Amino acid sequence: MTATHFARGEISGLLARLAVALGAAVLPQDGGALIFHEEERRHLPAALRDGAVVIAPTADAFQAALEGC
């Protein structure tokens, strides 16, 4: 799942919940992969594993991680 530019707010929570439900990583355009559980790291391609960041599955944590990219 790739996140590009979108409005802050409800969409952040929606994307976080969707990614958690799918067991998906979020790949911002700038920055490392965002995962919601450490065990998901092993499913990432080798090039993304070390830079992946585990975040809480909340809208606020998701938005903060995207802003930090």
PDB file of N, CA and C in Angstrom:
ATOM      1  N   MET A   1       0.848  -1.155   0.000  1.00  0.00           N
ATOM      2  CA  MET A   1       0.000   0.000   0.000  1.00  0.00           C
ATOM      3  C   MET A   1       0.900   1.226   0.000  1.00  0.00           C
ATOM      4  N   THR A   2       0.674   2.136  -0.892  1.00  0.00           N
ATOM      5  CA  THR A   2       1.478   3.339  -0.985  1.00  0.00           C
ATOM      6  C   THR A   2       0.641   4.557  -0.630  1.00  0.00           C
ATOM      7  N   ALA A   3       1.166   5.405   0.227  1.00  0.00           N
ATOM      8  CA  ALA A   3       0.487   6.644   0.592  1.00  0.00           C
ATOM      9  C   ALA A   3       1.192   7.802  -0.109  1.00  0.00           C
ATOM     10  N   THR A   4       0.418   8.617  -0.798  1.00  0.00           N
ATOM     11  CA  THR A   4       1.008   9.795  -1.420  1.00  0.00           C
ATOM     12  C   THR A   4       0.497  11.016  -0.670  1.00  0.00           C
ATOM     13  N   HIS A   5      -0.085  11.975  -1.314  1.00  0.00           N
ATOM     14  CA  HIS A   5      -0.559  13.186  -0.644  1.00  0.00           C
ATOM     15  C   HIS A   5      -2.066  13.076  -0.407  1.00  0.00           C
ATOM     16  N   PHE A   6      -2.465  13.312   0.822  1.00  0.00           N
ATOM     17  CA  PHE A   6      -3.882  13.301   1.154  1.00  0.00           C
ATOM     18  C   PHE A   6      -4.110  14.220   2.333  1.00  0.00           C
ATOM     19  N   ALA A   7      -5.335  14.594   2.529  1.00  0.00           N
ATOM     20  CA  ALA A   7      -5.688  15.524   3.610  1.00  0.00           C
ATOM     21  C   ALA A   7      -5.532  14.848   4.965  1.00  0.00           C
ATOM     22  N   ARG A   8      -5.090  15.615   5.933  1.00  0.00           N
ATOM     23  CA  ARG A   8      -4.972  15.131   7.300  1.00  0.00           C
ATOM     24  C   ARG A   8      -6.370  14.921   7.881  1.00  0.00           C
ATOM     25  N   GLY A   9      -6.514  13.990   8.761  1.00  0.00           N
ATOM     26  CA  GLY A   9      -7.795  13.782   9.430  1.00  0.00           C
ATOM     27  C   GLY A   9      -8.263  12.349   9.326  1.00  0.00           C
ATOM     28  N   GLU A  10      -9.523  12.187   9.043  1.00  0.00           N
ATOM     29  CA  GLU A  10     -10.142  10.866   9.032  1.00  0.00           C
ATOM     30  C   GLU A  10      -9.452   9.876   8.108  1.00  0.00           C
ATOM     31  N   ILE A  11      -8.904  10.346   7.006  1.00  0.00           N
ATOM     32  CA  ILE A  11      -8.268   9.418   6.065  1.00  0.00           C
ATOM     33  C   ILE A  11      -7.074   8.720   6.707  1.00  0.00           C
ATOM     34  N   SER A  12      -6.388   9.385   7.624  1.00  0.00           N
ATOM     35  CA  SER A  12      -5.250   8.759   8.308  1.00  0.00           C
ATOM     36  C   SER A  12      -5.701   7.538   9.092  1.00  0.00           C
ATOM     37  N   GLY A  13      -6.782   7.684   9.829  1.00  0.00           N
ATOM     38  CA  GLY A  13      -7.316   6.559  10.588  1.00  0.00           C
ATOM     39  C   GLY A  13      -7.803   5.450   9.687  1.00  0.00           C
ATOM     40  N   LEU A  14      -8.446   5.826   8.598  1.00  0.00           N
ATOM     41  CA  LEU A  14      -8.942   4.833   7.645  1.00  0.00           C
ATOM     42  C   LEU A  14      -7.788   4.043   7.043  1.00  0.00           C
ATOM     43  N   LEU A  15      -6.740   4.729   6.609  1.00  0.00           N
ATOM     44  CA  LEU A  15      -5.595   4.034   6.026  1.00  0.00           C
ATOM     45  C   LEU A  15      -4.894   3.146   7.051  1.00  0.00           C
ATOM     46  N   ALA A  16      -4.776   3.620   8.284  1.00  0.00           N
ATOM     47  CA  ALA A  16      -4.151   2.814   9.332  1.00  0.00           C
ATOM     48  C   ALA A  16      -4.970   1.553   9.596  1.00  0.00           C
ATOM     49  N   ARG A  17      -6.274   1.699   9.734  1.00  0.00           N
ATOM     50  CA  ARG A  17      -7.135   0.532   9.990  1.00  0.00           C
ATOM     51  C   ARG A  17      -7.105  -0.449   8.816  1.00  0.00           C
ATOM     52  N   LEU A  18      -7.105   0.069   7.607  1.00  0.00           N
ATOM     53  CA  LEU A  18      -7.055  -0.787   6.418  1.00  0.00           C
ATOM     54  C   LEU A  18      -5.740  -1.567   6.384  1.00  0.00           C
ATOM     55  N   ALA A  19      -4.632  -0.886   6.623  1.00  0.00           N
ATOM     56  CA  ALA A  19      -3.339  -1.555   6.604  1.00  0.00           C
ATOM     57  C   ALA A  19      -3.258  -2.637   7.677  1.00  0.00           C
ATOM     58  N   VAL A  20      -3.756  -2.348   8.870  1.00  0.00           N
ATOM     59  CA  VAL A  20      -3.754  -3.343   9.946  1.00  0.00           C
ATOM     60  C   VAL A  20      -4.605  -4.543   9.553  1.00  0.00           C
ATOM     61  N   ALA A  21      -5.800  -4.302   9.037  1.00  0.00           N
ATOM     62  CA  ALA A  21      -6.700  -5.395   8.655  1.00  0.00           C
ATOM     63  C   ALA A  21      -6.101  -6.275   7.561  1.00  0.00           C
ATOM     64  N   LEU A  22      -5.349  -5.661   6.651  1.00  0.00           N
ATOM     65  CA  LEU A  22      -4.743  -6.401   5.549  1.00  0.00           C
ATOM     66  C   LEU A  22      -3.382  -6.982   5.905  1.00  0.00           C
ATOM     67  N   GLY A  23      -2.827  -6.578   7.042  1.00  0.00           N
ATOM     68  CA  GLY A  23      -1.468  -6.988   7.380  1.00  0.00           C
ATOM     69  C   GLY A  23      -0.474  -6.352   6.420  1.00  0.00           C
ATOM     70  N   ALA A  24      -0.798  -5.140   5.959  1.00  0.00           N
ATOM     71  CA  ALA A  24      -0.008  -4.469   4.937  1.00  0.00           C
ATOM     72  C   ALA A  24       0.981  -3.486   5.552  1.00  0.00           C
ATOM     73  N   ALA A  25       2.048  -3.250   4.822  1.00  0.00           N
ATOM     74  CA  ALA A  25       2.979  -2.178   5.152  1.00  0.00           C
ATOM     75  C   ALA A  25       2.549  -0.947   4.366  1.00  0.00           C
ATOM     76  N   VAL A  26       2.853   0.213   4.909  1.00  0.00           N
ATOM     77  CA  VAL A  26       2.601   1.465   4.204  1.00  0.00           C
ATOM     78  C   VAL A  26       3.958   1.974   3.734  1.00  0.00           C
ATOM     79  N   LEU A  27       4.039   2.318   2.469  1.00  0.00           N
ATOM     80  CA  LEU A  27       5.297   2.766   1.887  1.00  0.00           C
ATOM     81  C   LEU A  27       5.171   4.216   1.436  1.00  0.00           C
ATOM     82  N   PRO A  28       5.484   5.164   2.328  1.00  0.00           N
ATOM     83  CA  PRO A  28       5.432   6.568   1.937  1.00  0.00           C
ATOM     84  C   PRO A  28       6.435   6.842   0.821  1.00  0.00           C
ATOM     85  N   GLN A  29       6.203   7.889   0.056  1.00  0.00           N
ATOM     86  CA  GLN A  29       7.120   8.227  -1.024  1.00  0.00           C
ATOM     87  C   GLN A  29       8.506   8.538  -0.492  1.00  0.00           C
ATOM     88  N   ASP A  30       8.576   9.209   0.627  1.00  0.00           N
ATOM     89  CA  ASP A  30       9.856   9.550   1.248  1.00  0.00           C
ATOM     90  C   ASP A  30       9.896   8.924   2.629  1.00  0.00           C
ATOM     91  N   GLY A  31      10.802   7.982   2.830  1.00  0.00           N
ATOM     92  CA  GLY A  31      10.912   7.374   4.146  1.00  0.00           C
ATOM     93  C   GLY A  31      10.803   5.871   4.078  1.00  0.00           C
ATOM     94  N   GLY A  32      10.995   5.255   5.230  1.00  0.00           N
ATOM     95  CA  GLY A  32      10.961   3.811   5.319  1.00  0.00           C
ATOM     96  C   GLY A  32       9.548   3.265   5.425  1.00  0.00           C
ATOM     97  N   ALA A  33       9.449   1.967   5.312  1.00  0.00           N
ATOM     98  CA  ALA A  33       8.159   1.288   5.418  1.00  0.00           C
ATOM     99  C   ALA A  33       7.605   1.458   6.830  1.00  0.00           C
ATOM    100  N   LEU A  34       6.308   1.606   6.918  1.00  0.00           N
ATOM    101  CA  LEU A  34       5.611   1.680   8.193  1.00  0.00           C
ATOM    102  C   LEU A  34       4.868   0.371   8.387  1.00  0.00           C
ATOM    103  N   ILE A  35       5.117  -0.280   9.519  1.00  0.00           N
ATOM    104  CA  ILE A  35       4.420  -1.525   9.838  1.00  0.00           C
ATOM    105  C   ILE A  35       3.779  -1.365  11.213  1.00  0.00           C
ATOM    106  N   PHE A  36       2.816  -2.198  11.501  1.00  0.00           N
ATOM    107  CA  PHE A  36       2.056  -2.052  12.735  1.00  0.00           C
ATOM    108  C   PHE A  36       2.364  -3.132  13.766  1.00  0.00           C
ATOM    109  N   HIS A  37       3.085  -4.161  13.351  1.00  0.00           N
ATOM    110  CA  HIS A  37       3.488  -5.239  14.259  1.00  0.00           C
ATOM    111  C   HIS A  37       4.879  -5.709  13.842  1.00  0.00           C
ATOM    112  N   GLU A  38       5.755  -5.913  14.803  1.00  0.00           N
ATOM    113  CA  GLU A  38       7.139  -6.306  14.523  1.00  0.00           C
ATOM    114  C   GLU A  38       7.222  -7.562  13.654  1.00  0.00           C
ATOM    115  N   GLU A  39       6.324  -8.502  13.858  1.00  0.00           N
ATOM    116  CA  GLU A  39       6.398  -9.758  13.085  1.00  0.00           C
ATOM    117  C   GLU A  39       6.143  -9.537  11.589  1.00  0.00           C
ATOM    118  N   GLU A  40       5.606  -8.390  11.213  1.00  0.00           N
ATOM    119  CA  GLU A  40       5.384  -8.094   9.790  1.00  0.00           C
ATOM    120  C   GLU A  40       6.691  -7.768   9.070  1.00  0.00           C
ATOM    121  N   ARG A  41       7.738  -7.423   9.814  1.00  0.00           N
ATOM    122  CA  ARG A  41       9.027  -7.065   9.220  1.00  0.00           C
ATOM    123  C   ARG A  41       9.556  -8.188   8.334  1.00  0.00           C
ATOM    124  N   ARG A  42       9.368  -9.424   8.748  1.00  0.00           N
ATOM    125  CA  ARG A  42       9.921 -10.561   7.989  1.00  0.00           C
ATOM    126  C   ARG A  42       9.287 -10.721   6.612  1.00  0.00           C
ATOM    127  N   HIS A  43       8.127 -10.126   6.397  1.00  0.00           N
ATOM    128  CA  HIS A  43       7.453 -10.221   5.106  1.00  0.00           C
ATOM    129  C   HIS A  43       7.920  -9.154   4.112  1.00  0.00           C
ATOM    130  N   LEU A  44       8.679  -8.197   4.588  1.00  0.00           N
ATOM    131  CA  LEU A  44       9.160  -7.121   3.716  1.00  0.00           C
ATOM    132  C   LEU A  44      10.339  -7.602   2.880  1.00  0.00           C
ATOM    133  N   PRO A  45      10.532  -7.008   1.712  1.00  0.00           N
ATOM    134  CA  PRO A  45      11.739  -7.303   0.950  1.00  0.00           C
ATOM    135  C   PRO A  45      12.967  -6.912   1.790  1.00  0.00           C
ATOM    136  N   ALA A  46      14.072  -7.606   1.594  1.00  0.00           N
ATOM    137  CA  ALA A  46      15.281  -7.376   2.389  1.00  0.00           C
ATOM    138  C   ALA A  46      15.702  -5.911   2.412  1.00  0.00           C
ATOM    139  N   ALA A  47      15.556  -5.219   1.309  1.00  0.00           N
ATOM    140  CA  ALA A  47      15.973  -3.820   1.219  1.00  0.00           C
ATOM    141  C   ALA A  47      15.154  -2.898   2.122  1.00  0.00           C
ATOM    142  N   LEU A  48      13.959  -3.321   2.530  1.00  0.00           N
ATOM    143  CA  LEU A  48      13.088  -2.476   3.359  1.00  0.00           C
ATOM    144  C   LEU A  48      13.092  -2.851   4.835  1.00  0.00           C
ATOM    145  N   ARG A  49      13.585  -4.030   5.167  1.00  0.00           N
ATOM    146  CA  ARG A  49      13.472  -4.532   6.547  1.00  0.00           C
ATOM    147  C   ARG A  49      14.144  -3.651   7.583  1.00  0.00           C
ATOM    148  N   ASP A  50      15.399  -3.285   7.360  1.00  0.00           N
ATOM    149  CA  ASP A  50      16.141  -2.531   8.384  1.00  0.00           C
ATOM    150  C   ASP A  50      15.557  -1.151   8.632  1.00  0.00           C
ATOM    151  N   GLY A  51      15.029  -0.514   7.616  1.00  0.00           N
ATOM    152  CA  GLY A  51      14.500   0.835   7.764  1.00  0.00           C
ATOM    153  C   GLY A  51      13.044   0.904   8.168  1.00  0.00           C
ATOM    154  N   ALA A  52      12.376  -0.242   8.289  1.00  0.00           N
ATOM    155  CA  ALA A  52      10.954  -0.254   8.643  1.00  0.00           C
ATOM    156  C   ALA A  52      10.752   0.244  10.071  1.00  0.00           C
ATOM    157  N   VAL A  53       9.670   0.970  10.270  1.00  0.00           N
ATOM    158  CA  VAL A  53       9.338   1.531  11.582  1.00  0.00           C
ATOM    159  C   VAL A  53       8.010   0.946  12.031  1.00  0.00           C
ATOM    160  N   VAL A  54       7.980   0.437  13.261  1.00  0.00           N
ATOM    161  CA  VAL A  54       6.743  -0.083  13.841  1.00  0.00           C
ATOM    162  C   VAL A  54       6.021   1.078  14.514  1.00  0.00           C
ATOM    163  N   ILE A  55       4.761   1.289  14.134  1.00  0.00           N
ATOM    164  CA  ILE A  55       3.969   2.367  14.733  1.00  0.00           C
ATOM    165  C   ILE A  55       2.670   1.787  15.299  1.00  0.00           C
ATOM    166  N   ALA A  56       2.070   2.545  16.190  1.00  0.00           N
ATOM    167  CA  ALA A  56       0.773   2.162  16.749  1.00  0.00           C
ATOM    168  C   ALA A  56      -0.287   2.305  15.654  1.00  0.00           C
ATOM    169  N   PRO A  57      -1.275   1.437  15.645  1.00  0.00           N
ATOM    170  CA  PRO A  57      -2.319   1.499  14.604  1.00  0.00           C
ATOM    171  C   PRO A  57      -3.387   2.543  14.895  1.00  0.00           C
ATOM    172  N   THR A  58      -2.957   3.787  15.050  1.00  0.00           N
ATOM    173  CA  THR A  58      -3.896   4.883  15.306  1.00  0.00           C
ATOM    174  C   THR A  58      -3.705   5.971  14.261  1.00  0.00           C
ATOM    175  N   ALA A  59      -4.721   6.780  14.082  1.00  0.00           N
ATOM    176  CA  ALA A  59      -4.645   7.876  13.117  1.00  0.00           C
ATOM    177  C   ALA A  59      -3.532   8.849  13.489  1.00  0.00           C
ATOM    178  N   ASP A  60      -3.402   9.177  14.779  1.00  0.00           N
ATOM    179  CA  ASP A  60      -2.384  10.130  15.205  1.00  0.00           C
ATOM    180  C   ASP A  60      -0.974   9.596  14.958  1.00  0.00           C
ATOM    181  N   ALA A  61      -0.727   8.340  15.301  1.00  0.00           N
ATOM    182  CA  ALA A  61       0.603   7.746  15.090  1.00  0.00           C
ATOM    183  C   ALA A  61       0.916   7.643  13.605  1.00  0.00           C
ATOM    184  N   PHE A  62      -0.071   7.274  12.820  1.00  0.00           N
ATOM    185  CA  PHE A  62       0.109   7.155  11.373  1.00  0.00           C
ATOM    186  C   PHE A  62       0.436   8.519  10.770  1.00  0.00           C
ATOM    187  N   GLN A  63      -0.317   9.537  11.126  1.00  0.00           N
ATOM    188  CA  GLN A  63      -0.087  10.887  10.589  1.00  0.00           C
ATOM    189  C   GLN A  63       1.292  11.398  11.025  1.00  0.00           C
ATOM    190  N   ALA A  64       1.663  11.182  12.285  1.00  0.00           N
ATOM    191  CA  ALA A  64       2.969  11.632  12.778  1.00  0.00           C
ATOM    192  C   ALA A  64       4.097  10.942  12.020  1.00  0.00           C
ATOM    193  N   ALA A  65       3.948   9.659  11.747  1.00  0.00           N
ATOM    194  CA  ALA A  65       4.977   8.923  11.010  1.00  0.00           C
ATOM    195  C   ALA A  65       5.105   9.458   9.582  1.00  0.00           C
ATOM    196  N   LEU A  66       3.994   9.768   8.948  1.00  0.00           N
ATOM    197  CA  LEU A  66       4.033  10.309   7.593  1.00  0.00           C
ATOM    198  C   LEU A  66       4.669  11.697   7.575  1.00  0.00           C
ATOM    199  N   GLU A  67       4.381  12.492   8.581  1.00  0.00           N
ATOM    200  CA  GLU A  67       4.955  13.839   8.636  1.00  0.00           C
ATOM    201  C   GLU A  67       6.447  13.791   8.905  1.00  0.00           C
ATOM    202  N   GLY A  68       6.911  12.725   9.534  1.00  0.00           N
ATOM    203  CA  GLY A  68       8.327  12.579   9.833  1.00  0.00           C
ATOM    204  C   GLY A  68       9.144  12.073   8.661  1.00  0.00           C
ATOM    205  N   CYS A  69       8.465  11.677   7.586  1.00  0.00           N
ATOM    206  CA  CYS A  69       9.173  11.149   6.405  1.00  0.00           C
ATOM    207  C   CYS A  69       9.781  12.264   5.601  1.00  0.00           C
TER     208      CYS A  69
END
